[in-house]
Amino acid sequence: MMSKIKSYFSESYQELRKVNWPTQKETAHLTWVVIGFSLSVAIFLGILDMVFSYGIRWFISS
């Protein structure tokens, strides 16, 4: 049992050494891309929410 656990951690460490880690510049750039995309989606969904809210209010009041 212990040999399997030791083998698991050893193989995990070997796989992590193969990972192509991004540079700090790439990480910062991609972080801004994610933030921008998230804000865009939030604004889009907010506009849709307003449109549907007004539509439902108009439909109910008619």
N, C-alpha and C. Protein backbone atom coordinates (compact mmCIF):
# COMPACT_ATOMS: atom_id res chain seq x y z
N MET A 1 0.82 -1.20 0.00
CA MET A 1 0.00 0.00 0.00
C MET A 1 0.86 1.26 0.00
N MET A 2 1.88 1.29 0.84
CA MET A 2 2.76 2.47 0.91
C MET A 2 3.55 2.64 -0.38
N SER A 3 3.89 1.54 -1.03
CA SER A 3 4.65 1.65 -2.28
C SER A 3 3.79 2.29 -3.38
N LYS A 4 2.47 2.00 -3.35
CA LYS A 4 1.58 2.59 -4.33
C LYS A 4 1.45 4.09 -4.09
N ILE A 5 1.38 4.50 -2.85
CA ILE A 5 1.27 5.92 -2.52
C ILE A 5 2.55 6.63 -2.92
N LYS A 6 3.69 6.03 -2.60
CA LYS A 6 4.97 6.62 -2.96
C LYS A 6 5.11 6.72 -4.48
N SER A 7 4.67 5.69 -5.19
CA SER A 7 4.73 5.70 -6.65
C SER A 7 3.82 6.79 -7.22
N TYR A 8 2.66 6.97 -6.63
CA TYR A 8 1.73 7.99 -7.08
C TYR A 8 2.36 9.38 -6.98
N PHE A 9 2.93 9.70 -5.83
CA PHE A 9 3.54 11.01 -5.66
C PHE A 9 4.76 11.20 -6.55
N SER A 10 5.53 10.15 -6.72
CA SER A 10 6.70 10.22 -7.59
C SER A 10 6.29 10.49 -9.04
N GLU A 11 5.29 9.77 -9.52
CA GLU A 11 4.82 9.96 -10.89
C GLU A 11 4.17 11.33 -11.06
N SER A 12 3.44 11.78 -10.04
CA SER A 12 2.83 13.11 -10.11
C SER A 12 3.89 14.19 -10.22
N TYR A 13 4.95 14.06 -9.45
CA TYR A 13 6.04 15.03 -9.50
C TYR A 13 6.70 15.03 -10.87
N GLN A 14 6.90 13.86 -11.44
CA GLN A 14 7.51 13.77 -12.77
C GLN A 14 6.61 14.43 -13.82
N GLU A 15 5.31 14.25 -13.73
CA GLU A 15 4.39 14.87 -14.68
C GLU A 15 4.38 16.38 -14.52
N LEU A 16 4.44 16.88 -13.29
CA LEU A 16 4.46 18.33 -13.06
C LEU A 16 5.71 18.97 -13.65
N ARG A 17 6.80 18.25 -13.70
CA ARG A 17 8.03 18.80 -14.28
C ARG A 17 7.91 18.93 -15.80
N LYS A 18 6.98 18.20 -16.41
CA LYS A 18 6.78 18.26 -17.86
C LYS A 18 5.86 19.41 -18.28
N VAL A 19 5.18 20.01 -17.31
CA VAL A 19 4.21 21.07 -17.62
C VAL A 19 4.94 22.29 -18.15
N ASN A 20 4.37 22.89 -19.20
CA ASN A 20 4.90 24.11 -19.77
C ASN A 20 4.23 25.29 -19.06
N TRP A 21 4.86 25.79 -18.00
CA TRP A 21 4.28 26.85 -17.20
C TRP A 21 4.36 28.19 -17.94
N PRO A 22 3.30 29.00 -17.87
CA PRO A 22 3.32 30.31 -18.54
C PRO A 22 4.25 31.28 -17.83
N THR A 23 4.72 32.26 -18.58
CA THR A 23 5.56 33.29 -17.97
C THR A 23 4.66 34.26 -17.20
N GLN A 24 5.31 35.13 -16.43
CA GLN A 24 4.54 36.10 -15.65
C GLN A 24 3.78 37.05 -16.58
N LYS A 25 4.40 37.41 -17.69
CA LYS A 25 3.76 38.31 -18.66
C LYS A 25 2.54 37.64 -19.27
N GLU A 26 2.66 36.37 -19.66
CA GLU A 26 1.54 35.64 -20.23
C GLU A 26 0.40 35.51 -19.21
N THR A 27 0.76 35.24 -17.98
CA THR A 27 -0.24 35.10 -16.93
C THR A 27 -1.00 36.41 -16.72
N ALA A 28 -0.29 37.52 -16.68
CA ALA A 28 -0.93 38.83 -16.50
C ALA A 28 -1.85 39.13 -17.68
N HIS A 29 -1.36 38.87 -18.89
CA HIS A 29 -2.17 39.14 -20.09
C HIS A 29 -3.45 38.31 -20.08
N LEU A 30 -3.32 37.03 -19.81
CA LEU A 30 -4.50 36.16 -19.82
C LEU A 30 -5.46 36.49 -18.69
N THR A 31 -4.93 36.98 -17.57
CA THR A 31 -5.80 37.41 -16.47
C THR A 31 -6.66 38.58 -16.91
N TRP A 32 -6.05 39.55 -17.61
CA TRP A 32 -6.82 40.69 -18.11
C TRP A 32 -7.84 40.27 -19.16
N VAL A 33 -7.49 39.28 -19.97
CA VAL A 33 -8.44 38.76 -20.97
C VAL A 33 -9.66 38.16 -20.26
N VAL A 34 -9.43 37.39 -19.22
CA VAL A 34 -10.53 36.77 -18.48
C VAL A 34 -11.39 37.83 -17.80
N ILE A 35 -10.75 38.84 -17.19
CA ILE A 35 -11.50 39.92 -16.54
C ILE A 35 -12.34 40.67 -17.57
N GLY A 36 -11.75 41.00 -18.71
CA GLY A 36 -12.49 41.70 -19.76
C GLY A 36 -13.66 40.89 -20.29
N PHE A 37 -13.44 39.61 -20.52
CA PHE A 37 -14.51 38.75 -21.01
C PHE A 37 -15.62 38.63 -19.98
N SER A 38 -15.25 38.49 -18.72
CA SER A 38 -16.25 38.38 -17.65
C SER A 38 -17.09 39.65 -17.54
N LEU A 39 -16.45 40.81 -17.63
CA LEU A 39 -17.19 42.07 -17.59
C LEU A 39 -18.11 42.20 -18.80
N SER A 40 -17.64 41.81 -19.96
CA SER A 40 -18.47 41.87 -21.17
C SER A 40 -19.71 41.00 -21.03
N VAL A 41 -19.53 39.80 -20.54
CA VAL A 41 -20.67 38.89 -20.36
C VAL A 41 -21.63 39.45 -19.31
N ALA A 42 -21.09 40.02 -18.21
CA ALA A 42 -21.93 40.59 -17.17
C ALA A 42 -22.76 41.76 -17.72
N ILE A 43 -22.14 42.62 -18.52
CA ILE A 43 -22.87 43.75 -19.10
C ILE A 43 -23.94 43.25 -20.07
N PHE A 44 -23.59 42.29 -20.90
CA PHE A 44 -24.54 41.72 -21.85
C PHE A 44 -25.74 41.12 -21.13
N LEU A 45 -25.49 40.33 -20.09
CA LEU A 45 -26.58 39.71 -19.35
C LEU A 45 -27.40 40.76 -18.60
N GLY A 46 -26.75 41.81 -18.11
CA GLY A 46 -27.48 42.89 -17.45
C GLY A 46 -28.43 43.59 -18.41
N ILE A 47 -27.96 43.84 -19.63
CA ILE A 47 -28.81 44.48 -20.64
C ILE A 47 -29.98 43.57 -21.00
N LEU A 48 -29.71 42.28 -21.19
CA LEU A 48 -30.79 41.34 -21.47
C LEU A 48 -31.81 41.32 -20.33
N ASP A 49 -31.34 41.34 -19.11
CA ASP A 49 -32.22 41.34 -17.95
C ASP A 49 -33.12 42.58 -17.96
N MET A 50 -32.54 43.75 -18.25
CA MET A 50 -33.34 44.97 -18.31
C MET A 50 -34.39 44.89 -19.41
N VAL A 51 -33.99 44.42 -20.59
CA VAL A 51 -34.92 44.33 -21.72
C VAL A 51 -36.07 43.39 -21.37
N PHE A 52 -35.77 42.23 -20.84
CA PHE A 52 -36.82 41.28 -20.49
C PHE A 52 -37.69 41.80 -19.35
N SER A 53 -37.11 42.49 -18.39
CA SER A 53 -37.89 43.06 -17.28
C SER A 53 -38.89 44.09 -17.81
N TYR A 54 -38.42 45.00 -18.68
CA TYR A 54 -39.33 45.98 -19.27
C TYR A 54 -40.39 45.30 -20.11
N GLY A 55 -40.00 44.28 -20.86
CA GLY A 55 -40.97 43.55 -21.69
C GLY A 55 -42.04 42.87 -20.86
N ILE A 56 -41.65 42.26 -19.77
CA ILE A 56 -42.62 41.57 -18.91
C ILE A 56 -43.53 42.60 -18.23
N ARG A 57 -42.95 43.71 -17.75
CA ARG A 57 -43.78 44.76 -17.14
C ARG A 57 -44.78 45.32 -18.14
N TRP A 58 -44.35 45.55 -19.37
CA TRP A 58 -45.24 46.06 -20.40
C TRP A 58 -46.34 45.05 -20.70
N PHE A 59 -45.96 43.77 -20.78
CA PHE A 59 -46.93 42.72 -21.08
C PHE A 59 -47.96 42.58 -19.97
N ILE A 60 -47.52 42.67 -18.72
CA ILE A 60 -48.43 42.53 -17.58
C ILE A 60 -49.35 43.75 -17.46
N SER A 61 -48.83 44.93 -17.71
CA SER A 61 -49.63 46.16 -17.56
C SER A 61 -50.61 46.38 -18.71
N SER A 62 -50.42 45.68 -19.81
CA SER A 62 -51.32 45.86 -20.97
C SER A 62 -52.61 45.13 -20.81
